[in-house]
C-alpha atoms as a PDB file:
ATOM      1  CA  MET A   1     101.756  63.459 140.599  1.00  0.00           C
ATOM      2  CA  LEU A   2     102.635  66.896 140.060  1.00  0.00           C
ATOM      3  CA  ASP A   3     106.788  66.872 139.223  1.00  0.00           C
ATOM      4  CA  PRO A   4     106.366  66.812 135.464  1.00  0.00           C
ATOM      5  CA  TYR A   5     104.476  70.209 135.548  1.00  0.00           C
ATOM      6  CA  LEU A   6     107.360  71.784 137.681  1.00  0.00           C
ATOM      7  CA  PRO A   7     109.341  73.353 135.057  1.00  0.00           C
ATOM      8  CA  ILE A   8     106.451  74.482 133.329  1.00  0.00           C
ATOM      9  CA  VAL A   9     105.354  76.318 136.007  1.00  0.00           C
ATOM     10  CA  LEU A  10     108.399  77.707 136.498  1.00  0.00           C
ATOM     11  CA  LEU A  11     109.272  78.594 132.964  1.00  0.00           C
ATOM     12  CA  ALA A  12     105.646  80.619 133.050  1.00  0.00           C
ATOM     13  CA  ALA A  13     106.666  82.099 136.249  1.00  0.00           C
ATOM     14  CA  LEU A  14     109.793  83.337 135.508  1.00  0.00           C
ATOM     15  CA  ALA A  15     108.182  84.887 132.091  1.00  0.00           C
ATOM     16  CA  GLY A  16     105.562  86.486 134.067  1.00  0.00           C
ATOM     17  CA  LEU A  17     107.833  87.946 135.970  1.00  0.00           C
ATOM     18  CA  PHE A  18     110.329  89.333 133.271  1.00  0.00           C
ATOM     19  CA  ALA A  19     107.032  90.739 131.394  1.00  0.00           C
ATOM     20  CA  VAL A  20     106.216  92.466 134.600  1.00  0.00           C
ATOM     21  CA  GLY A  21     109.919  93.865 135.567  1.00  0.00           C
ATOM     22  CA  SER A  22     110.009  94.748 131.552  1.00  0.00           C
ATOM     23  CA  VAL A  23     107.181  96.902 131.538  1.00  0.00           C
ATOM     24  CA  ALA A  24     107.406  98.253 135.160  1.00  0.00           C
ATOM     25  CA  ALA A  25     111.258  99.023 134.915  1.00  0.00           C
ATOM     26  CA  ALA A  26     110.866 101.131 131.081  1.00  0.00           C
ATOM     27  CA  PRO A  27     109.528 104.254 132.533  1.00  0.00           C
ATOM     28  CA  LEU A  28     112.499 104.314 134.893  1.00  0.00           C
ATOM     29  CA  ILE A  29     115.370 103.033 133.342  1.00  0.00           C
ATOM     30  CA  GLY A  30     114.040 104.566 129.240  1.00  0.00           C
ATOM     31  CA  PRO A  31     115.301 107.513 127.461  1.00  0.00           C
ATOM     32  CA  ARG A  32     113.115 110.388 127.659  1.00  0.00           C
ATOM     33  CA  ARG A  33     113.583 112.270 124.911  1.00  0.00           C
ATOM     34  CA  TYR A  34     109.660 113.767 124.211  1.00  0.00           C
ATOM     35  CA  ASN A  35     108.621 115.806 121.139  1.00  0.00           C
ATOM     36  CA  ARG A  36     105.450 116.998 119.409  1.00  0.00           C
ATOM     37  CA  ALA A  37     105.276 113.810 116.787  1.00  0.00           C
ATOM     38  CA  LYS A  38     105.736 111.512 119.819  1.00  0.00           C
ATOM     39  CA  LEU A  39     102.322 112.672 121.377  1.00  0.00           C
ATOM     40  CA  ASP A  40     100.283 113.146 118.644  1.00  0.00           C
ATOM     41  CA  SER A  41      98.064 110.880 118.245  1.00  0.00           C
ATOM     42  CA  TYR A  42      98.932 108.461 114.941  1.00  0.00           C
ATOM     43  CA  GLU A  43      96.558 107.767 112.077  1.00  0.00           C
ATOM     44  CA  CYS A  44      97.885 104.845 109.748  1.00  0.00           C
ATOM     45  CA  GLY A  45     100.767 107.479 108.403  1.00  0.00           C
ATOM     46  CA  ILE A  46      98.365 110.249 107.516  1.00  0.00           C
ATOM     47  CA  GLU A  47      98.014 113.619 109.567  1.00  0.00           C
ATOM     48  CA  PRO A  48      95.514 113.313 111.588  1.00  0.00           C
ATOM     49  CA  SER A  49      92.822 115.720 111.712  1.00  0.00           C
ATOM     50  CA  PRO A  50      92.184 118.257 114.450  1.00  0.00           C
ATOM     51  CA  GLN A  51      88.011 118.081 114.110  1.00  0.00           C
ATOM     52  CA  PRO A  52      86.155 114.537 113.189  1.00  0.00           C
ATOM     53  CA  VAL A  53      84.461 115.041 109.847  1.00  0.00           C
ATOM     54  CA  VAL A  54      81.278 113.182 110.351  1.00  0.00           C
ATOM     55  CA  GLY A  55      79.864 111.398 107.018  1.00  0.00           C
ATOM     56  CA  ALA A  56      82.387 113.855 104.849  1.00  0.00           C
ATOM     57  CA  GLY A  57      85.053 111.742 104.691  1.00  0.00           C
ATOM     58  CA  ARG A  58      85.524 107.796 103.572  1.00  0.00           C
ATOM     59  CA  MET A  59      87.734 105.155 104.392  1.00  0.00           C
ATOM     60  CA  PRO A  60      90.056 103.661 101.270  1.00  0.00           C
ATOM     61  CA  VAL A  61      88.699 100.178  99.975  1.00  0.00           C
ATOM     62  CA  ALA A  62      92.797  99.604 100.162  1.00  0.00           C
ATOM     63  CA  TYR A  63      93.021 100.016 103.810  1.00  0.00           C
ATOM     64  CA  TYR A  64      90.180  97.083 104.237  1.00  0.00           C
ATOM     65  CA  VAL A  65      91.529  94.786 101.651  1.00  0.00           C
ATOM     66  CA  THR A  66      94.772  94.915 103.222  1.00  0.00           C
ATOM     67  CA  ALA A  67      93.028  93.826 106.459  1.00  0.00           C
ATOM     68  CA  MET A  68      91.082  91.128 104.371  1.00  0.00           C
ATOM     69  CA  LEU A  69      94.598  90.295 102.744  1.00  0.00           C
ATOM     70  CA  PHE A  70      96.486  89.680 106.145  1.00  0.00           C
ATOM     71  CA  ILE A  71      94.016  87.634 107.775  1.00  0.00           C
ATOM     72  CA  LEU A  72      93.519  85.477 104.814  1.00  0.00           C
ATOM     73  CA  PHE A  73      97.188  84.656 104.643  1.00  0.00           C
ATOM     74  CA  ASP A  74      97.134  84.382 108.964  1.00  0.00           C
ATOM     75  CA  ILE A  75      94.315  81.836 109.332  1.00  0.00           C
ATOM     76  CA  GLU A  76      95.703  80.309 106.030  1.00  0.00           C
ATOM     77  CA  MET A  77      98.650  79.744 108.253  1.00  0.00           C
ATOM     78  CA  VAL A  78      97.019  78.763 111.211  1.00  0.00           C
ATOM     79  CA  PHE A  79      95.645  75.361 109.246  1.00  0.00           C
ATOM     80  CA  LEU A  80      98.197  74.799 107.130  1.00  0.00           C
ATOM     81  CA  TYR A  81     100.822  74.449 109.801  1.00  0.00           C
ATOM     82  CA  PRO A  82      99.368  71.521 111.305  1.00  0.00           C
ATOM     83  CA  PHE A  83      98.676  69.680 108.518  1.00  0.00           C
ATOM     84  CA  ALA A  84     102.506  70.140 107.642  1.00  0.00           C
ATOM     85  CA  VAL A  85     103.396  68.763 110.900  1.00  0.00           C
ATOM     86  CA  SER A  86     101.407  65.869 110.315  1.00  0.00           C
ATOM     87  CA  ALA A  87     100.886  65.457 106.967  1.00  0.00           C
ATOM     88  CA  ASP A  88     102.225  61.679 106.563  1.00  0.00           C
ATOM     89  CA  MET A  89     100.079  60.256 109.596  1.00  0.00           C
ATOM     90  CA  LEU A  90      96.382  61.685 107.347  1.00  0.00           C
ATOM     91  CA  GLY A  91      96.613  60.461 104.460  1.00  0.00           C
ATOM     92  CA  LEU A  92      94.597  60.298 101.201  1.00  0.00           C
ATOM     93  CA  PHE A  93      91.557  61.959 103.109  1.00  0.00           C
ATOM     94  CA  GLY A  94      94.275  64.636 104.784  1.00  0.00           C
ATOM     95  CA  LEU A  95      95.680  65.513 101.087  1.00  0.00           C
ATOM     96  CA  VAL A  96      91.884  66.111  99.314  1.00  0.00           C
ATOM     97  CA  GLU A  97      91.240  67.902 102.798  1.00  0.00           C
ATOM     98  CA  ILE A  98      93.883  70.344 102.664  1.00  0.00           C
ATOM     99  CA  VAL A  99      93.518  71.087  98.840  1.00  0.00           C
ATOM    100  CA  LEU A 100      89.773  71.713  99.160  1.00  0.00           C
ATOM    101  CA  PHE A 101      90.875  74.114 101.944  1.00  0.00           C
ATOM    102  CA  ILE A 102      93.346  75.726  99.705  1.00  0.00           C
ATOM    103  CA  VAL A 103      90.883  76.424  96.316  1.00  0.00           C
ATOM    104  CA  THR A 104      88.905  77.805  99.727  1.00  0.00           C
ATOM    105  CA  VAL A 105      91.107  79.956 100.275  1.00  0.00           C
ATOM    106  CA  GLY A 106      92.484  80.785  96.755  1.00  0.00           C
ATOM    107  CA  PHE A 107      88.628  82.528  95.955  1.00  0.00           C
ATOM    108  CA  ALA A 108      89.326  85.248  98.631  1.00  0.00           C
ATOM    109  CA  TYR A 109      93.522  84.930  96.929  1.00  0.00           C
ATOM    110  CA  VAL A 110      91.748  85.945  93.712  1.00  0.00           C
ATOM    111  CA  TYR A 111      89.038  88.711  95.419  1.00  0.00           C
ATOM    112  CA  VAL A 112      91.981  90.577  97.060  1.00  0.00           C
ATOM    113  CA  TRP A 113      93.979  90.850  93.719  1.00  0.00           C
ATOM    114  CA  ARG A 114      90.910  91.631  91.663  1.00  0.00           C
ATOM    115  CA  ARG A 115      89.982  94.342  94.070  1.00  0.00           C
ATOM    116  CA  GLY A 116      93.985  95.609  93.572  1.00  0.00           C
ATOM    117  CA  GLY A 117      95.002  94.691  97.208  1.00  0.00           C
ATOM    118  CA  LEU A 118      97.956  93.296  96.230  1.00  0.00           C
ATOM    119  CA  ASP A 119      99.152  97.406  94.345  1.00  0.00           C
ATOM    120  CA  TRP A 120     100.883  98.834  97.252  1.00  0.00           C
ATOM    121  CA  ASN A 121     101.445 101.882  95.298  1.00  0.00           C
END
C-alpha cells in the first residue's frame, strides 16, 4: 500500500542526511582563515556603527522600496507560474483573472518606479 511512496521517502531521507552531514562536516574540513572583516557584524554593506544611534539616523526609503520590489516580483512569479502551466485549461475566465492580477501588480510596480526604486545609484 505504501510502496509507491517509498522512493519519495528515501529521497527525502537522503536529502536530509546530506543537509545535516554537510553542515556537520563544514567546520571540520573547511578552511580556517579568520580576519577582522569576517568577524565583524554585517549591516547591509555599510560600516557598522559602534553604538546604536537612537532616533538620530533614519533608514533610507530606497531600502524599503527595494524590499517591496523584491516582494512584488516574488509574489508575481508565484502566481503566474501555475497560470502558465495550466493556461489552456482555464480558458477565457483564466485570461481575464490573470489580466486583472497583472493590472493590480502593475499599480505596485508603477508606485515603486515613481518612488525611485528602479534607480540603482
